[in-house]
Amino acid sequence: MNITKFISDIIVKNVVRRYKRKGVIIGENTFISRKVFIDTHSGASVTIGNNCYITRNTIILNHTDTHVGGPLGLYRKYGSDRISKNVVIGNNVFVGVGSVIMPGIKIGDNAIVGAMSLVNKDVPKNTVYAGVPAKYICDVNEMLKKDFNNFDIHSWNKEIGGI
């Protein structure tokens, strides 16, 4: 192992450890870039499954103050308040660079979120979503067949437990 990889592995493990200490539930073999922001101060939970890859500049929010009315709380007099909702990211999920995941979102197992996406609706398992706002692009199996000519989807399905 070269020194650069060794240092990178330590940094990634520290990022995961730091977020776990703050209450984020993170599965095994999950990579979280050191430049990811995970919201941990609202009381709602964030759960990230096994074998996920959360790339740099991704933001995972579990609360929004849009209904408060800014620092002056302009809407509080009408009964509005902070909205806090759990975020759940399944197993084998890839989240592309610069994506934002909004409060209350569920991303299913084996899903892919393209770079620079705004995820404001749930992403079903085995799908590819991208854009602002994120929209359905295709099924993961379709993408694999199209983009990887020699890809043996049946062997891969057995290897990861089927999709």
C-alpha atoms as a PDB file:
ATOM      1  CA  MET A   1       0.000   0.000   0.000  1.00  0.00           C
ATOM      2  CA  ASN A   2       1.449   3.384  -0.903  1.00  0.00           C
ATOM      3  CA  ILE A   3       1.526   6.241   1.592  1.00  0.00           C
ATOM      4  CA  THR A   4      -1.089   8.340  -0.246  1.00  0.00           C
ATOM      5  CA  LYS A   5      -3.653   5.522  -0.124  1.00  0.00           C
ATOM      6  CA  PHE A   6      -2.791   4.853   3.513  1.00  0.00           C
ATOM      7  CA  ILE A   7      -3.392   8.503   4.489  1.00  0.00           C
ATOM      8  CA  SER A   8      -6.575   8.654   2.412  1.00  0.00           C
ATOM      9  CA  ASP A   9      -7.926   5.532   4.158  1.00  0.00           C
ATOM     10  CA  ILE A  10      -7.223   7.084   7.563  1.00  0.00           C
ATOM     11  CA  ILE A  11      -9.019  10.306   6.580  1.00  0.00           C
ATOM     12  CA  VAL A  12     -12.079   8.402   5.323  1.00  0.00           C
ATOM     13  CA  LYS A  13     -12.220   6.280   8.475  1.00  0.00           C
ATOM     14  CA  ASN A  14     -12.041   9.448  10.574  1.00  0.00           C
ATOM     15  CA  VAL A  15     -14.902  11.042   8.612  1.00  0.00           C
ATOM     16  CA  VAL A  16     -17.079   7.966   9.163  1.00  0.00           C
ATOM     17  CA  ARG A  17     -16.076   7.800  12.848  1.00  0.00           C
ATOM     18  CA  ARG A  18     -16.875  11.503  13.345  1.00  0.00           C
ATOM     19  CA  TYR A  19     -20.352  11.178  11.838  1.00  0.00           C
ATOM     20  CA  LYS A  20     -21.051   8.007  13.812  1.00  0.00           C
ATOM     21  CA  ARG A  21     -20.179   9.888  17.009  1.00  0.00           C
ATOM     22  CA  LYS A  22     -22.717  12.531  15.978  1.00  0.00           C
ATOM     23  CA  GLY A  23     -25.419   9.857  15.670  1.00  0.00           C
ATOM     24  CA  VAL A  24     -25.368   9.053  11.951  1.00  0.00           C
ATOM     25  CA  ILE A  25     -25.890   5.332  11.363  1.00  0.00           C
ATOM     26  CA  ILE A  26     -23.358   4.165   8.766  1.00  0.00           C
ATOM     27  CA  GLY A  27     -23.053   0.609   7.440  1.00  0.00           C
ATOM     28  CA  GLU A  28     -19.974  -1.432   6.649  1.00  0.00           C
ATOM     29  CA  ASN A  29     -17.627  -0.634   3.724  1.00  0.00           C
ATOM     30  CA  THR A  30     -19.220   2.776   3.150  1.00  0.00           C
ATOM     31  CA  PHE A  31     -17.070   5.581   1.771  1.00  0.00           C
ATOM     32  CA  ILE A  32     -17.911   9.144   2.731  1.00  0.00           C
ATOM     33  CA  SER A  33     -15.721  11.874   1.277  1.00  0.00           C
ATOM     34  CA  ARG A  34     -14.208  14.264   3.787  1.00  0.00           C
ATOM     35  CA  LYS A  35     -15.958  17.057   1.876  1.00  0.00           C
ATOM     36  CA  VAL A  36     -19.470  15.722   2.589  1.00  0.00           C
ATOM     37  CA  PHE A  37     -21.817  17.573   4.942  1.00  0.00           C
ATOM     38  CA  ILE A  38     -24.326  15.481   6.882  1.00  0.00           C
ATOM     39  CA  ASP A  39     -26.851  17.439   8.939  1.00  0.00           C
ATOM     40  CA  THR A  40     -26.797  16.142  12.519  1.00  0.00           C
ATOM     41  CA  HIS A  41     -28.237  18.891  14.680  1.00  0.00           C
ATOM     42  CA  SER A  42     -32.023  18.719  14.169  1.00  0.00           C
ATOM     43  CA  GLY A  43     -32.989  15.594  16.094  1.00  0.00           C
ATOM     44  CA  ALA A  44     -33.980  13.643  12.958  1.00  0.00           C
ATOM     45  CA  SER A  45     -31.799  10.710  11.961  1.00  0.00           C
ATOM     46  CA  VAL A  46     -29.608   9.937   8.969  1.00  0.00           C
ATOM     47  CA  THR A  47     -29.013   6.287   8.097  1.00  0.00           C
ATOM     48  CA  ILE A  48     -26.591   5.171   5.376  1.00  0.00           C
ATOM     49  CA  GLY A  49     -26.392   1.483   4.455  1.00  0.00           C
ATOM     50  CA  ASN A  50     -23.547  -0.871   3.573  1.00  0.00           C
ATOM     51  CA  ASN A  51     -21.249  -0.480   0.564  1.00  0.00           C
ATOM     52  CA  CYS A  52     -22.296   3.090  -0.244  1.00  0.00           C
ATOM     53  CA  TYR A  53     -20.195   5.733  -1.948  1.00  0.00           C
ATOM     54  CA  ILE A  54     -21.054   9.317  -0.971  1.00  0.00           C
ATOM     55  CA  THR A  55     -18.849  11.602  -3.045  1.00  0.00           C
ATOM     56  CA  ARG A  56     -17.425  15.042  -2.316  1.00  0.00           C
ATOM     57  CA  ASN A  57     -19.528  18.150  -1.832  1.00  0.00           C
ATOM     58  CA  THR A  58     -22.666  16.103  -1.205  1.00  0.00           C
ATOM     59  CA  ILE A  59     -25.043  17.599   1.363  1.00  0.00           C
ATOM     60  CA  ILE A  60     -27.480  15.414   3.290  1.00  0.00           C
ATOM     61  CA  LEU A  61     -30.090  17.495   5.130  1.00  0.00           C
ATOM     62  CA  ASN A  62     -32.473  16.219   7.789  1.00  0.00           C
ATOM     63  CA  HIS A  63     -34.098  19.563   8.534  1.00  0.00           C
ATOM     64  CA  THR A  64     -35.235  22.744   6.849  1.00  0.00           C
ATOM     65  CA  ASP A  65     -35.968  26.169   8.283  1.00  0.00           C
ATOM     66  CA  THR A  66     -37.752  27.445   5.165  1.00  0.00           C
ATOM     67  CA  HIS A  67     -41.029  27.511   7.093  1.00  0.00           C
ATOM     68  CA  VAL A  68     -39.513  29.575   9.920  1.00  0.00           C
ATOM     69  CA  GLY A  69     -38.952  32.738   7.895  1.00  0.00           C
ATOM     70  CA  GLY A  70     -35.244  33.289   8.265  1.00  0.00           C
ATOM     71  CA  PRO A  71     -33.347  34.468  11.339  1.00  0.00           C
ATOM     72  CA  LEU A  72     -36.237  36.738  12.364  1.00  0.00           C
ATOM     73  CA  GLY A  73     -38.699  33.830  12.415  1.00  0.00           C
ATOM     74  CA  LEU A  74     -41.202  35.792  10.306  1.00  0.00           C
ATOM     75  CA  TYR A  75     -43.551  32.807   9.852  1.00  0.00           C
ATOM     76  CA  ARG A  76     -43.482  31.539  13.433  1.00  0.00           C
ATOM     77  CA  LYS A  77     -46.343  33.847  14.355  1.00  0.00           C
ATOM     78  CA  TYR A  78     -48.466  31.799  11.907  1.00  0.00           C
ATOM     79  CA  GLY A  79     -47.521  28.511  13.573  1.00  0.00           C
ATOM     80  CA  SER A  80     -44.685  27.468  11.255  1.00  0.00           C
ATOM     81  CA  ASP A  81     -41.542  25.917  12.594  1.00  0.00           C
ATOM     82  CA  ARG A  82     -38.480  23.901  11.641  1.00  0.00           C
ATOM     83  CA  ILE A  83     -39.253  20.715   9.721  1.00  0.00           C
ATOM     84  CA  SER A  84     -37.106  17.721  10.748  1.00  0.00           C
ATOM     85  CA  LYS A  85     -37.369  14.388   8.916  1.00  0.00           C
ATOM     86  CA  ASN A  86     -35.272  11.220   8.818  1.00  0.00           C
ATOM     87  CA  VAL A  87     -33.129  10.412   5.775  1.00  0.00           C
ATOM     88  CA  VAL A  88     -32.517   6.787   4.812  1.00  0.00           C
ATOM     89  CA  ILE A  89     -29.962   5.740   2.195  1.00  0.00           C
ATOM     90  CA  GLY A  90     -30.058   2.010   1.406  1.00  0.00           C
ATOM     91  CA  ASN A  91     -27.248  -0.450   0.639  1.00  0.00           C
ATOM     92  CA  ASN A  92     -24.995  -0.238  -2.451  1.00  0.00           C
ATOM     93  CA  VAL A  93     -25.971   3.379  -3.194  1.00  0.00           C
ATOM     94  CA  PHE A  94     -23.801   5.806  -5.157  1.00  0.00           C
ATOM     95  CA  VAL A  95     -24.356   9.563  -4.699  1.00  0.00           C
ATOM     96  CA  GLY A  96     -22.571  11.724  -7.272  1.00  0.00           C
ATOM     97  CA  VAL A  97     -20.497  14.838  -6.654  1.00  0.00           C
ATOM     98  CA  GLY A  98     -22.298  17.936  -5.405  1.00  0.00           C
ATOM     99  CA  SER A  99     -25.689  16.345  -4.850  1.00  0.00           C
ATOM    100  CA  VAL A 100     -28.157  17.577  -2.221  1.00  0.00           C
ATOM    101  CA  ILE A 101     -30.462  15.148  -0.437  1.00  0.00           C
ATOM    102  CA  MET A 102     -33.417  16.871   1.226  1.00  0.00           C
ATOM    103  CA  PRO A 103     -35.061  15.959   4.566  1.00  0.00           C
ATOM    104  CA  GLY A 104     -37.339  12.915   4.639  1.00  0.00           C
ATOM    105  CA  ILE A 105     -35.854  11.262   1.557  1.00  0.00           C
ATOM    106  CA  LYS A 106     -35.459   7.504   1.167  1.00  0.00           C
ATOM    107  CA  ILE A 107     -32.999   6.189  -1.411  1.00  0.00           C
ATOM    108  CA  GLY A 108     -33.487   2.491  -2.133  1.00  0.00           C
ATOM    109  CA  ASP A 109     -30.863  -0.234  -2.370  1.00  0.00           C
ATOM    110  CA  ASN A 110     -28.614  -0.311  -5.468  1.00  0.00           C
ATOM    111  CA  ALA A 111     -29.675   3.194  -6.576  1.00  0.00           C
ATOM    112  CA  ILE A 112     -27.491   5.752  -8.322  1.00  0.00           C
ATOM    113  CA  VAL A 113     -27.864   9.512  -7.910  1.00  0.00           C
ATOM    114  CA  GLY A 114     -26.081  11.450 -10.648  1.00  0.00           C
ATOM    115  CA  ALA A 115     -23.721  14.335  -9.963  1.00  0.00           C
ATOM    116  CA  MET A 116     -25.178  17.736  -9.038  1.00  0.00           C
ATOM    117  CA  SER A 117     -28.654  16.313  -8.356  1.00  0.00           C
ATOM    118  CA  LEU A 118     -31.272  17.785  -6.032  1.00  0.00           C
ATOM    119  CA  VAL A 119     -33.038  14.811  -4.486  1.00  0.00           C
ATOM    120  CA  ASN A 120     -36.392  16.089  -3.242  1.00  0.00           C
ATOM    121  CA  LYS A 121     -38.405  12.890  -3.810  1.00  0.00           C
ATOM    122  CA  ASP A 122     -37.724   9.281  -2.851  1.00  0.00           C
ATOM    123  CA  VAL A 123     -35.478   7.268  -5.178  1.00  0.00           C
ATOM    124  CA  PRO A 124     -36.720   3.679  -5.628  1.00  0.00           C
ATOM    125  CA  LYS A 125     -34.306   0.754  -5.421  1.00  0.00           C
ATOM    126  CA  ASN A 126     -32.398  -0.273  -8.565  1.00  0.00           C
ATOM    127  CA  THR A 127     -32.905   3.071 -10.336  1.00  0.00           C
ATOM    128  CA  VAL A 128     -30.764   5.899 -11.671  1.00  0.00           C
ATOM    129  CA  TYR A 129     -31.920   9.456 -10.872  1.00  0.00           C
ATOM    130  CA  ALA A 130     -30.260  12.750 -11.844  1.00  0.00           C
ATOM    131  CA  GLY A 131     -30.954  16.423 -12.370  1.00  0.00           C
ATOM    132  CA  VAL A 132     -32.468  19.433 -10.611  1.00  0.00           C
ATOM    133  CA  PRO A 133     -34.807  18.238  -9.345  1.00  0.00           C
ATOM    134  CA  ALA A 134     -33.650  14.621  -9.660  1.00  0.00           C
ATOM    135  CA  LYS A 135     -35.759  12.601 -12.080  1.00  0.00           C
ATOM    136  CA  TYR A 136     -35.859   8.979 -13.162  1.00  0.00           C
ATOM    137  CA  ILE A 137     -33.273   8.257 -15.876  1.00  0.00           C
ATOM    138  CA  CYS A 138     -33.367   4.473 -16.169  1.00  0.00           C
ATOM    139  CA  ASP A 139     -33.208   1.188 -14.328  1.00  0.00           C
ATOM    140  CA  VAL A 140     -29.748   0.194 -13.039  1.00  0.00           C
ATOM    141  CA  ASN A 141     -29.875  -3.009 -15.119  1.00  0.00           C
ATOM    142  CA  GLU A 142     -30.539  -0.957 -18.280  1.00  0.00           C
ATOM    143  CA  MET A 143     -27.567   1.282 -17.531  1.00  0.00           C
ATOM    144  CA  LEU A 144     -25.259  -1.658 -16.890  1.00  0.00           C
ATOM    145  CA  LYS A 145     -26.283  -3.411 -20.110  1.00  0.00           C
ATOM    146  CA  LYS A 146     -25.895  -0.216 -22.145  1.00  0.00           C
ATOM    147  CA  ASP A 147     -22.670   1.128 -20.648  1.00  0.00           C
ATOM    148  CA  PHE A 148     -20.733  -2.089 -20.051  1.00  0.00           C
ATOM    149  CA  ASN A 149     -20.762  -4.332 -23.118  1.00  0.00           C
ATOM    150  CA  ASN A 150     -19.108  -7.309 -21.412  1.00  0.00           C
ATOM    151  CA  PHE A 151     -20.959  -6.958 -18.145  1.00  0.00           C
ATOM    152  CA  ASP A 152     -22.494 -10.240 -16.923  1.00  0.00           C
ATOM    153  CA  ILE A 153     -25.512  -8.995 -15.008  1.00  0.00           C
ATOM    154  CA  HIS A 154     -26.572 -12.469 -13.862  1.00  0.00           C
ATOM    155  CA  SER A 155     -23.252 -13.138 -12.111  1.00  0.00           C
ATOM    156  CA  TRP A 156     -23.289  -9.686 -10.576  1.00  0.00           C
ATOM    157  CA  ASN A 157     -26.851 -10.173  -9.292  1.00  0.00           C
ATOM    158  CA  LYS A 158     -25.789 -13.388  -7.564  1.00  0.00           C
ATOM    159  CA  GLU A 159     -22.689 -11.700  -6.130  1.00  0.00           C
ATOM    160  CA  ILE A 160     -24.627  -8.841  -4.477  1.00  0.00           C
ATOM    161  CA  GLY A 161     -27.669 -10.858  -3.522  1.00  0.00           C
ATOM    162  CA  GLY A 162     -29.904 -10.017  -6.470  1.00  0.00           C
ATOM    163  CA  ILE A 163     -31.643  -6.865  -7.593  1.00  0.00           C
END
